[in-house]
Protein backbone atom coordinates (compact mmCIF):
# COMPACT_ATOMS: atom_id res chain seq x y z
CA MET A 1 61.99 11.40 108.57
CA TYR A 2 62.66 10.75 104.79
CA ASN A 3 65.87 12.17 104.63
CA GLY A 4 67.21 10.93 101.17
CA ILE A 5 66.13 10.77 97.87
CA ARG A 6 67.46 7.76 95.71
CA ARG A 7 68.73 9.36 92.46
CA GLU A 8 69.54 6.80 89.63
CA ARG A 9 72.69 7.99 88.60
CA ASP A 10 73.96 10.34 91.36
CA GLY A 11 73.19 8.12 94.57
CA LYS A 12 71.76 9.40 97.24
CA THR A 13 70.94 13.15 98.08
CA GLU A 14 70.39 14.51 101.71
CA LEU A 15 68.00 16.46 102.40
CA GLY A 16 66.70 19.25 105.10
CA LYS A 17 63.98 18.61 107.18
CA ILE A 18 61.45 20.68 105.65
CA GLU A 19 62.99 19.39 102.05
CA ALA A 20 62.15 16.11 104.05
CA TYR A 21 58.51 16.78 104.85
CA VAL A 22 57.64 17.94 101.26
CA VAL A 23 58.94 14.95 99.66
CA TYR A 24 57.16 12.80 102.47
CA LEU A 25 53.58 14.40 101.58
CA LEU A 26 54.28 14.32 97.43
CA HIS A 27 55.17 10.58 98.14
CA LYS A 28 51.95 9.84 100.22
CA LYS A 29 50.00 11.74 97.68
CA GLY A 30 51.50 9.73 94.78
CA ALA A 31 52.83 13.22 93.20
CA TYR A 32 54.96 10.94 90.94
CA ASP A 33 52.39 10.56 87.68
CA THR A 34 49.54 12.84 88.68
CA GLY A 35 51.15 15.51 90.31
CA VAL A 36 49.73 17.64 93.29
CA GLU A 37 48.13 21.16 93.10
CA GLU A 38 50.96 23.40 94.12
CA GLU A 39 48.86 25.99 96.55
CA ARG A 40 46.69 23.24 97.85
CA PHE A 41 49.51 21.10 98.89
CA ILE A 42 51.35 24.34 100.48
CA SER A 43 47.88 24.82 102.80
CA GLU A 44 47.99 21.03 103.46
CA LEU A 45 51.78 21.11 104.48
CA ARG A 46 51.08 23.95 106.64
CA GLU A 47 48.32 22.25 108.45
CA TRP A 48 49.97 18.74 108.65
CA TYR A 49 53.11 20.48 109.98
CA ARG A 50 51.07 22.39 112.68
CA GLN A 51 49.45 19.00 113.87
CA LYS A 52 52.85 17.11 113.90
CA GLU A 53 54.96 19.78 115.35
CA GLY A 54 52.75 21.76 117.28
CA LYS A 55 53.75 25.03 115.84
CA GLU A 56 53.38 27.11 112.76
CA ILE A 57 55.63 26.87 109.56
CA GLU A 58 56.09 30.22 106.91
CA ARG A 59 54.80 29.57 103.42
CA GLY A 60 58.00 30.96 102.22
CA ALA A 61 59.80 28.37 104.05
CA ILE A 62 57.68 25.64 102.34
CA VAL A 63 58.27 27.48 99.23
CA GLU A 64 61.84 27.38 99.50
CA ALA A 65 62.23 23.94 99.95
CA ILE A 66 59.95 23.12 96.84
CA ASN A 67 62.03 25.25 94.93
CA ASN A 68 65.45 23.35 96.43
CA LEU A 69 63.75 20.14 95.50
CA TYR A 70 63.56 21.60 91.79
CA GLU A 71 67.27 22.88 91.70
CA ILE A 72 68.12 19.21 92.53
CA LYS A 73 65.94 18.09 90.63
CA ALA A 74 63.63 15.92 92.59
CA ALA A 75 60.70 17.87 91.68
CA ASP A 76 59.04 19.28 88.60
CA PHE A 77 56.18 21.74 88.15
CA ASP A 78 53.42 21.90 85.45
CA ASN A 79 50.71 23.91 85.03
CA GLY A 80 50.42 25.04 88.77
CA ASN A 81 51.09 21.11 89.93
CA ILE A 82 54.24 19.72 91.90
CA TYR A 83 55.55 16.32 90.92
CA LEU A 84 58.04 14.12 92.35
CA LYS A 85 60.80 12.90 90.06
CA GLU A 86 62.68 10.60 92.16
CA HIS A 87 61.70 7.70 94.56
CA VAL A 88 62.60 8.29 98.15
CA TRP A 89 63.22 5.90 100.94
CA GLY A 90 63.17 6.51 104.98
CA THR A 91 60.28 7.10 107.31
CA VAL A 92 58.65 10.11 109.15
């Protein structure tokens, strides 16, 4: 699982499970320069999680994870799109 974000000046920041899933999918979608439409991303993550874990994830949990990534400056928002600002390492 993606369990860390490499931050140029701060070293490594540990992520929770849902944050790691959010980062993983943003990374896979190349959301560094182009961004991903937020509502579509949330729907896709819910479906991906259902397939991977065999259970539902609440929309609110995803929104909270995205907001946590924004707080640590790992993600940004612009015109309804989510951008991944930090490069990641690890595997799912």
